[in-house]
Each structure stands twice: as structure tokens, then as C-alpha cells.
C-alpha atoms as a PDB file:
ATOM      1  CA  MET A   1      21.008 -17.284  -6.822  1.00  0.00           C
ATOM      2  CA  MET A   2      19.916 -13.704  -5.995  1.00  0.00           C
ATOM      3  CA  ILE A   3      18.454 -13.219  -9.457  1.00  0.00           C
ATOM      4  CA  VAL A   4      16.360 -16.437  -8.938  1.00  0.00           C
ATOM      5  CA  ILE A   5      14.996 -15.071  -5.635  1.00  0.00           C
ATOM      6  CA  LEU A   6      14.126 -11.757  -7.175  1.00  0.00           C
ATOM      7  CA  LEU A   7      12.413 -13.425 -10.082  1.00  0.00           C
ATOM      8  CA  ALA A   8      10.504 -15.507  -7.607  1.00  0.00           C
ATOM      9  CA  PHE A   9       9.240 -12.364  -5.830  1.00  0.00           C
ATOM     10  CA  MET A  10       8.279 -10.872  -9.144  1.00  0.00           C
ATOM     11  CA  LEU A  11       6.274 -14.017  -9.929  1.00  0.00           C
ATOM     12  CA  ILE A  12       4.742 -14.117  -6.458  1.00  0.00           C
ATOM     13  CA  GLY A  13       3.840 -10.418  -6.851  1.00  0.00           C
ATOM     14  CA  PHE A  14       2.226 -11.040 -10.184  1.00  0.00           C
ATOM     15  CA  VAL A  15       0.101 -13.935  -8.700  1.00  0.00           C
ATOM     16  CA  VAL A  16      -0.953 -11.840  -5.751  1.00  0.00           C
ATOM     17  CA  GLN A  17      -1.975  -8.882  -7.975  1.00  0.00           C
ATOM     18  CA  SER A  18      -3.807 -11.181 -10.395  1.00  0.00           C
ATOM     19  CA  THR A  19      -5.673 -12.833  -7.410  1.00  0.00           C
ATOM     20  CA  LEU A  20      -6.511  -9.450  -5.990  1.00  0.00           C
ATOM     21  CA  LYS A  21      -7.995  -8.224  -9.269  1.00  0.00           C
ATOM     22  CA  SER A  22      -9.908 -11.513  -9.599  1.00  0.00           C
ATOM     23  CA  LYS A  23     -11.287 -11.210  -6.007  1.00  0.00           C
ATOM     24  CA  PHE A  24     -12.354  -7.613  -6.506  1.00  0.00           C
ATOM     25  CA  LYS A  25     -14.045  -8.488  -9.827  1.00  0.00           C
ATOM     26  CA  LYS A  26     -15.902 -11.370  -8.182  1.00  0.00           C
ATOM     27  CA  TYR A  27     -16.964  -9.319  -5.031  1.00  0.00           C
ATOM     28  CA  SER A  28     -17.885  -6.317  -7.157  1.00  0.00           C
ATOM     29  CA  LYS A  29     -20.672  -8.425  -8.579  1.00  0.00           C
ATOM     30  CA  MET A  30     -21.939  -9.234  -5.058  1.00  0.00           C
ATOM     31  CA  PRO A  31     -24.634  -6.652  -4.188  1.00  0.00           C
ATOM     32  CA  LEU A  32     -24.496  -5.148  -0.731  1.00  0.00           C
ATOM     33  CA  GLN A  33     -27.658  -6.001   1.281  1.00  0.00           C
ATOM     34  CA  THR A  34     -27.964  -2.431   2.525  1.00  0.00           C
ATOM     35  CA  GLY A  35     -27.825  -0.983  -1.040  1.00  0.00           C
ATOM     36  CA  LEU A  36     -25.187   1.646   0.035  1.00  0.00           C
ATOM     37  CA  SER A  37     -22.620   2.878  -2.440  1.00  0.00           C
ATOM     38  CA  GLY A  38     -18.964   3.078  -1.676  1.00  0.00           C
ATOM     39  CA  LYS A  39     -19.443   6.901  -1.303  1.00  0.00           C
ATOM     40  CA  ASP A  40     -22.309   6.309   1.165  1.00  0.00           C
ATOM     41  CA  VAL A  41     -20.274   3.909   3.230  1.00  0.00           C
ATOM     42  CA  ALA A  42     -17.273   6.343   3.351  1.00  0.00           C
ATOM     43  CA  ILE A  43     -19.428   9.331   4.376  1.00  0.00           C
ATOM     44  CA  LYS A  44     -21.261   7.319   6.973  1.00  0.00           C
ATOM     45  CA  MET A  45     -18.012   5.790   8.414  1.00  0.00           C
ATOM     46  CA  LEU A  46     -16.353   9.238   8.699  1.00  0.00           C
ATOM     47  CA  GLN A  47     -19.397  10.851  10.291  1.00  0.00           C
ATOM     48  CA  ASP A  48     -19.871   7.959  12.698  1.00  0.00           C
ATOM     49  CA  ASN A  49     -16.331   8.525  13.867  1.00  0.00           C
ATOM     50  CA  GLY A  50     -16.731  12.236  14.274  1.00  0.00           C
ATOM     51  CA  ILE A  51     -14.882  13.283  11.144  1.00  0.00           C
ATOM     52  CA  TYR A  52     -16.492  16.049   9.150  1.00  0.00           C
ATOM     53  CA  ASP A  53     -13.479  17.751   7.562  1.00  0.00           C
ATOM     54  CA  VAL A  54     -12.547  14.945   5.133  1.00  0.00           C
ATOM     55  CA  GLU A  55     -14.107  15.012   1.641  1.00  0.00           C
ATOM     56  CA  VAL A  56     -15.000  11.878  -0.309  1.00  0.00           C
ATOM     57  CA  MET A  57     -14.065  12.170  -3.927  1.00  0.00           C
ATOM     58  CA  SER A  58     -14.109  10.150  -7.093  1.00  0.00           C
ATOM     59  CA  THR A  59     -10.654   9.566  -8.784  1.00  0.00           C
ATOM     60  CA  PRO A  60     -10.083   8.043 -12.215  1.00  0.00           C
ATOM     61  CA  GLY A  61      -8.794   4.483 -12.762  1.00  0.00           C
ATOM     62  CA  LYS A  62      -9.121   1.139 -11.242  1.00  0.00           C
ATOM     63  CA  LEU A  63      -7.681   0.153  -7.810  1.00  0.00           C
ATOM     64  CA  THR A  64      -6.589   3.809  -7.494  1.00  0.00           C
ATOM     65  CA  ASP A  65      -8.295   4.288  -4.192  1.00  0.00           C
ATOM     66  CA  HIS A  66      -6.286   6.118  -1.529  1.00  0.00           C
ATOM     67  CA  TYR A  67      -6.428   8.588   1.341  1.00  0.00           C
ATOM     68  CA  ASP A  68      -4.572  11.887   0.819  1.00  0.00           C
ATOM     69  CA  PRO A  69      -3.587  13.257   4.293  1.00  0.00           C
ATOM     70  CA  THR A  70      -2.300  16.470   2.840  1.00  0.00           C
ATOM     71  CA  LYS A  71      -5.672  17.413   1.219  1.00  0.00           C
ATOM     72  CA  LYS A  72      -7.785  15.338   3.752  1.00  0.00           C
ATOM     73  CA  THR A  73      -9.618  13.563   0.913  1.00  0.00           C
ATOM     74  CA  VAL A  74     -10.762   9.966   0.594  1.00  0.00           C
ATOM     75  CA  ASN A  75     -10.228   9.251  -3.115  1.00  0.00           C
ATOM     76  CA  LEU A  76     -12.297   6.393  -4.551  1.00  0.00           C
ATOM     77  CA  SER A  77     -12.102   4.899  -8.070  1.00  0.00           C
ATOM     78  CA  PRO A  78     -15.485   5.131  -9.983  1.00  0.00           C
ATOM     79  CA  ASP A  79     -16.199   1.391  -9.457  1.00  0.00           C
ATOM     80  CA  VAL A  80     -15.913   1.836  -5.659  1.00  0.00           C
ATOM     81  CA  TYR A  81     -17.400   5.395  -5.456  1.00  0.00           C
ATOM     82  CA  ASN A  82     -20.537   4.381  -7.315  1.00  0.00           C
ATOM     83  CA  GLY A  83     -20.538   0.635  -6.684  1.00  0.00           C
ATOM     84  CA  ARG A  84     -23.027  -0.965  -4.379  1.00  0.00           C
ATOM     85  CA  SER A  85     -21.185  -4.149  -3.800  1.00  0.00           C
ATOM     86  CA  VAL A  86     -19.191  -5.949  -1.057  1.00  0.00           C
ATOM     87  CA  ALA A  87     -15.931  -4.882  -2.668  1.00  0.00           C
ATOM     88  CA  ALA A  88     -16.970  -1.258  -2.925  1.00  0.00           C
ATOM     89  CA  ALA A  89     -17.934  -1.139   0.740  1.00  0.00           C
ATOM     90  CA  ALA A  90     -14.657  -2.959   1.813  1.00  0.00           C
ATOM     91  CA  VAL A  91     -12.369  -0.540  -0.106  1.00  0.00           C
ATOM     92  CA  ALA A  92     -14.252   2.606   0.922  1.00  0.00           C
ATOM     93  CA  ALA A  93     -14.156   1.563   4.608  1.00  0.00           C
ATOM     94  CA  HIS A  94     -10.349   0.698   4.289  1.00  0.00           C
ATOM     95  CA  GLU A  95      -9.584   4.159   2.928  1.00  0.00           C
ATOM     96  CA  CYS A  96     -11.644   5.758   5.676  1.00  0.00           C
ATOM     97  CA  GLY A  97      -9.585   3.682   8.103  1.00  0.00           C
ATOM     98  CA  HIS A  98      -6.631   5.761   7.024  1.00  0.00           C
ATOM     99  CA  ALA A  99      -8.545   8.953   7.555  1.00  0.00           C
ATOM    100  CA  ILE A 100      -9.333   7.848  11.082  1.00  0.00           C
ATOM    101  CA  GLN A 101      -5.724   6.969  11.683  1.00  0.00           C
ATOM    102  CA  HIS A 102      -4.870  10.510  10.549  1.00  0.00           C
ATOM    103  CA  ALA A 103      -7.452  12.052  12.877  1.00  0.00           C
ATOM    104  CA  GLU A 104      -6.196  10.020  15.891  1.00  0.00           C
ATOM    105  CA  ALA A 105      -2.499  10.661  14.988  1.00  0.00           C
ATOM    106  CA  TYR A 106      -1.809   6.965  14.595  1.00  0.00           C
ATOM    107  CA  SER A 107       1.991   6.608  15.242  1.00  0.00           C
ATOM    108  CA  TRP A 108       2.746   4.312  12.404  1.00  0.00           C
ATOM    109  CA  LEU A 109       0.916   6.547   9.813  1.00  0.00           C
ATOM    110  CA  GLU A 110       2.770   9.591  11.194  1.00  0.00           C
ATOM    111  CA  LEU A 111       6.059   7.743  10.811  1.00  0.00           C
ATOM    112  CA  ARG A 112       5.303   6.741   7.243  1.00  0.00           C
ATOM    113  CA  SER A 113       4.390  10.308   6.328  1.00  0.00           C
ATOM    114  CA  LYS A 114       7.699  11.485   7.730  1.00  0.00           C
ATOM    115  CA  LEU A 115       9.573   8.918   5.569  1.00  0.00           C
ATOM    116  CA  VAL A 116       7.892   9.948   2.311  1.00  0.00           C
ATOM    117  CA  PRO A 117      10.455  12.677   1.365  1.00  0.00           C
ATOM    118  CA  ALA A 118      13.436  10.458   2.230  1.00  0.00           C
ATOM    119  CA  VAL A 119      11.859   7.566   0.242  1.00  0.00           C
ATOM    120  CA  SER A 120      11.219   9.736  -2.715  1.00  0.00           C
ATOM    121  CA  PHE A 121      14.758  10.929  -2.830  1.00  0.00           C
ATOM    122  CA  SER A 122      16.216   7.442  -2.270  1.00  0.00           C
ATOM    123  CA  SER A 123      14.135   6.006  -5.211  1.00  0.00           C
ATOM    124  CA  ARG A 124      15.299   8.743  -7.541  1.00  0.00           C
ATOM    125  CA  ALA A 125      18.965   8.512  -6.428  1.00  0.00           C
ATOM    126  CA  MET A 126      18.903   4.703  -6.842  1.00  0.00           C
ATOM    127  CA  SER A 127      17.519   5.147 -10.422  1.00  0.00           C
ATOM    128  CA  ILE A 128      20.184   7.595 -11.307  1.00  0.00           C
ATOM    129  CA  ILE A 129      23.032   5.443  -9.921  1.00  0.00           C
ATOM    130  CA  PHE A 130      21.889   2.303 -11.789  1.00  0.00           C
ATOM    131  CA  LEU A 131      21.211   4.186 -15.009  1.00  0.00           C
ATOM    132  CA  LEU A 132      24.646   5.603 -14.921  1.00  0.00           C
ATOM    133  CA  MET A 133      26.156   2.172 -14.276  1.00  0.00           C
ATOM    134  CA  LEU A 134      23.964   0.575 -16.990  1.00  0.00           C
ATOM    135  CA  PHE A 135      25.131   3.085 -19.693  1.00  0.00           C
ATOM    136  CA  GLY A 136      28.755   2.876 -18.606  1.00  0.00           C
ATOM    137  CA  PHE A 137      29.295   6.315 -17.104  1.00  0.00           C
ATOM    138  CA  GLY A 138      31.605   4.835 -14.622  1.00  0.00           C
ATOM    139  CA  VAL A 139      30.188   5.735 -11.287  1.00  0.00           C
ATOM    140  CA  VAL A 140      32.528   3.275  -9.626  1.00  0.00           C
ATOM    141  CA  ASN A 141      35.498   4.939 -11.351  1.00  0.00           C
ATOM    142  CA  LEU A 142      34.593   8.302  -9.918  1.00  0.00           C
ATOM    143  CA  PHE A 143      34.096   6.856  -6.455  1.00  0.00           C
ATOM    144  CA  PRO A 144      35.513   3.851  -4.576  1.00  0.00           C
ATOM    145  CA  PHE A 145      33.397   0.809  -5.094  1.00  0.00           C
ATOM    146  CA  THR A 146      32.687   0.447  -1.337  1.00  0.00           C
ATOM    147  CA  THR A 147      31.437   4.065  -1.293  1.00  0.00           C
ATOM    148  CA  VAL A 148      28.976   3.387  -4.085  1.00  0.00           C
ATOM    149  CA  ILE A 149      27.702   0.229  -2.419  1.00  0.00           C
ATOM    150  CA  TRP A 150      27.472   1.949   0.963  1.00  0.00           C
ATOM    151  CA  THR A 151      25.379   4.620  -0.813  1.00  0.00           C
ATOM    152  CA  VAL A 152      23.079   1.999  -2.313  1.00  0.00           C
ATOM    153  CA  VAL A 153      22.661   0.121   1.020  1.00  0.00           C
ATOM    154  CA  ILE A 154      21.709   3.458   2.816  1.00  0.00           C
ATOM    155  CA  LEU A 155      19.237   4.282   0.026  1.00  0.00           C
ATOM    156  CA  GLN A 156      17.766   0.877  -0.062  1.00  0.00           C
ATOM    157  CA  SER A 157      17.492   0.869   3.775  1.00  0.00           C
ATOM    158  CA  MET A 158      15.201   3.879   3.554  1.00  0.00           C
ATOM    159  CA  ILE A 159      12.963   2.229   0.948  1.00  0.00           C
ATOM    160  CA  THR A 160      12.841  -1.029   2.939  1.00  0.00           C
ATOM    161  CA  ALA A 161      11.953   0.870   6.239  1.00  0.00           C
ATOM    162  CA  PHE A 162       9.071   2.549   4.369  1.00  0.00           C
ATOM    163  CA  THR A 163       7.705  -0.812   3.095  1.00  0.00           C
ATOM    164  CA  LEU A 164       7.901  -2.331   6.581  1.00  0.00           C
ATOM    165  CA  VAL A 165       6.277   0.730   8.285  1.00  0.00           C
ATOM    166  CA  THR A 166       3.513   0.492   5.607  1.00  0.00           C
ATOM    167  CA  LEU A 167       2.498  -2.944   6.870  1.00  0.00           C
ATOM    168  CA  PRO A 168       0.971  -1.960  10.206  1.00  0.00           C
ATOM    169  CA  VAL A 169      -0.660   1.075   8.591  1.00  0.00           C
ATOM    170  CA  GLU A 170      -2.449  -1.060   5.993  1.00  0.00           C
ATOM    171  CA  TYR A 171      -3.273  -3.909   8.291  1.00  0.00           C
ATOM    172  CA  ASP A 172      -4.731  -1.558  10.954  1.00  0.00           C
ATOM    173  CA  ALA A 173      -6.769   0.245   8.281  1.00  0.00           C
ATOM    174  CA  SER A 174      -8.326  -3.064   7.262  1.00  0.00           C
ATOM    175  CA  ASP A 175      -9.030  -4.056  10.812  1.00  0.00           C
ATOM    176  CA  ARG A 176     -10.776  -0.776  11.434  1.00  0.00           C
ATOM    177  CA  ALA A 177     -12.760  -1.199   8.207  1.00  0.00           C
ATOM    178  CA  LEU A 178     -13.875  -4.753   9.034  1.00  0.00           C
ATOM    179  CA  VAL A 179     -14.917  -3.840  12.614  1.00  0.00           C
ATOM    180  CA  TYR A 180     -16.966  -0.923  11.401  1.00  0.00           C
ATOM    181  CA  LEU A 181     -18.617  -2.773   8.558  1.00  0.00           C
ATOM    182  CA  GLN A 182     -19.760  -5.568  10.963  1.00  0.00           C
ATOM    183  CA  SER A 183     -20.748  -3.267  13.922  1.00  0.00           C
ATOM    184  CA  SER A 184     -22.655  -0.886  11.768  1.00  0.00           C
ATOM    185  CA  GLY A 185     -24.583  -3.704  10.046  1.00  0.00           C
ATOM    186  CA  ILE A 186     -23.455  -2.656   6.589  1.00  0.00           C
ATOM    187  CA  THR A 187     -22.265  -6.174   5.964  1.00  0.00           C
ATOM    188  CA  GLY A 188     -24.001  -9.331   6.949  1.00  0.00           C
ATOM    189  CA  ALA A 189     -22.164 -12.560   7.889  1.00  0.00           C
ATOM    190  CA  LEU A 190     -21.536 -13.862   4.348  1.00  0.00           C
ATOM    191  CA  GLU A 191     -20.760 -10.353   3.041  1.00  0.00           C
ATOM    192  CA  HIS A 192     -18.368  -9.767   5.888  1.00  0.00           C
ATOM    193  CA  ASP A 193     -16.285 -12.887   5.080  1.00  0.00           C
ATOM    194  CA  LYS A 194     -15.969 -11.718   1.414  1.00  0.00           C
ATOM    195  CA  ALA A 195     -15.046  -8.220   2.482  1.00  0.00           C
ATOM    196  CA  LYS A 196     -12.419  -9.820   4.796  1.00  0.00           C
ATOM    197  CA  ASP A 197     -11.025 -11.925   1.953  1.00  0.00           C
ATOM    198  CA  ALA A 198     -10.823  -9.034  -0.376  1.00  0.00           C
ATOM    199  CA  LEU A 199      -8.807  -6.819   2.105  1.00  0.00           C
ATOM    200  CA  LYS A 200      -6.596  -9.745   3.017  1.00  0.00           C
ATOM    201  CA  TRP A 201      -5.433 -10.021  -0.643  1.00  0.00           C
ATOM    202  CA  ALA A 202      -4.929  -6.200  -0.797  1.00  0.00           C
ATOM    203  CA  ALA A 203      -2.695  -6.396   2.278  1.00  0.00           C
ATOM    204  CA  ASN A 204      -0.736  -9.324   0.749  1.00  0.00           C
ATOM    205  CA  THR A 205       0.517  -6.952  -1.997  1.00  0.00           C
ATOM    206  CA  TYR A 206       2.230  -4.814   0.661  1.00  0.00           C
ATOM    207  CA  LEU A 207       3.624  -7.875   2.380  1.00  0.00           C
ATOM    208  CA  VAL A 208       5.246  -9.114  -0.861  1.00  0.00           C
ATOM    209  CA  ALA A 209       6.676  -5.658  -1.448  1.00  0.00           C
ATOM    210  CA  ALA A 210       8.222  -5.482   1.930  1.00  0.00           C
ATOM    211  CA  LEU A 211       9.785  -8.967   1.564  1.00  0.00           C
ATOM    212  CA  ALA A 212      11.164  -8.114  -1.810  1.00  0.00           C
ATOM    213  CA  ALA A 213      12.644  -4.780  -0.410  1.00  0.00           C
ATOM    214  CA  LEU A 214      14.261  -6.788   2.496  1.00  0.00           C
ATOM    215  CA  THR A 215      15.681  -9.301  -0.052  1.00  0.00           C
ATOM    216  CA  GLN A 216      17.281  -6.539  -2.086  1.00  0.00           C
ATOM    217  CA  LEU A 217      18.696  -4.955   1.010  1.00  0.00           C
ATOM    218  CA  ALA A 218      20.288  -8.261   2.107  1.00  0.00           C
ATOM    219  CA  TYR A 219      21.754  -8.632  -1.365  1.00  0.00           C
ATOM    220  CA  TYR A 220      23.409  -5.196  -1.310  1.00  0.00           C
ATOM    221  CA  VAL A 221      24.757  -5.868   2.250  1.00  0.00           C
ATOM    222  CA  LEU A 222      26.250  -9.112   1.036  1.00  0.00           C
ATOM    223  CA  ILE A 223      27.974  -7.339  -1.759  1.00  0.00           C
ATOM    224  CA  LEU A 224      29.317  -4.752   0.676  1.00  0.00           C
ATOM    225  CA  LEU A 225      30.699  -7.461   3.011  1.00  0.00           C
ATOM    226  CA  ASN A 226      32.334  -9.296   0.179  1.00  0.00           C
ATOM    227  CA  SER A 227      33.894  -6.055  -1.096  1.00  0.00           C
ATOM    228  CA  ASP A 228      36.148  -5.740   1.986  1.00  0.00           C
END
């Protein structure tokens, strides 16, 4: 039953990712009435919010856009950085939303940043445990089964917590982006609806990831309960 649920989440994730790519491809062909590029939108949004110490940069790849709080850089993929479309404006504004969160010490973003080291360790540890079990190195022979499962539950709990904390961070960044695009006049009524639709599907990827992580955690907890 659990395998079926996990496969269902994989399928849903694939559908959401495919839809997201389709939406961005579609809205990347819709010119922005103001003629601003993603770079222009990002710089303008940052400056209008009193942020002058964040650099807007181009980063290789597609859908690789992100904000780096350690370097204070808004990194935009070439299609977004140079693009003058609704999709480019939406993505650029969303990443600047994260920069504004950072400048304002947004609590959920700060919490997520604090969780990064623990999540990185948890992901690596989980991979090692499952690889050892897969290749028959007998982890459960070295330690009691309940100890191994307890370890997995704790590690998965950290990963799940991170995915849940990510949700308000991403939704808030999108809300900030949409408010700014509309109030600044960068997007008109029709453009604004398309930008909202694009960011909605981007947020759905994080929602699916959080639900999948919760499901995995529930599965491991059930194994732990049944091991007693």
C-alpha cells in the first residue's frame, strides 16, 4: 500500500513539474508590456524596497533561479535574466521576494536557513543507511532494528520539517512578487493573472514535496510502532 502511495506522489510530482515547464514555456512567449527584462525587474524591485547590497546575476541552466542569502545574490537563469516576458518578470520578482525576506529577517526564512546543515546531514545519513542495507552490509545486525528505525525517523523528521518550513517561505515570496508587479505597474491585468498562474504552479512543486516527505515519515513511524 505504501509503495502505491509513494508511486502516486512520484506521478503527481511528474505531472506538476511537466505542467510548470509548460506554463513557463507558454508565458515566456508572452511579451511584457513595459519591455523590462528579468534583470531590470529584479534591480527595480530591490531598489524600490531600499535594498542596494544584493547583486543580480545570471546563472546557467533552466529553472535554476534562486536567491543566495550567504552571498546576497539573486541568481537568474539566462531565459529569465535576459527575457522580457511575463514569466521572466514573475520569476525575477519571486527571487527578489526572498531577498526582501532576508533583509527584513523574515522568521520562516531564518528558520529554514538554520535547518539547512541538519537537513544536509540527514539526507547524507539516510542515503548511507539505505545503501548499506541495499548492499547487504547488515546495519540491522550491528544495531537493534528499533535503533535503526528510530534513527531513520529522526533523520526523516528533519527533512520533513524543512519541506514544511519551506512552504510559507515560498508562498510569501510569491505574494510579495505579485503585489509588487501589480502596484509598480510592471504587469497589466491580463499579465498579472498569467504571472499568478505561473507562480502558483511553481509553489505546487514544494507542496507535493512536503506531502511526500510527510508520507514517508508516517511510513517509518508505522514501521517503528509495529516493531515493538
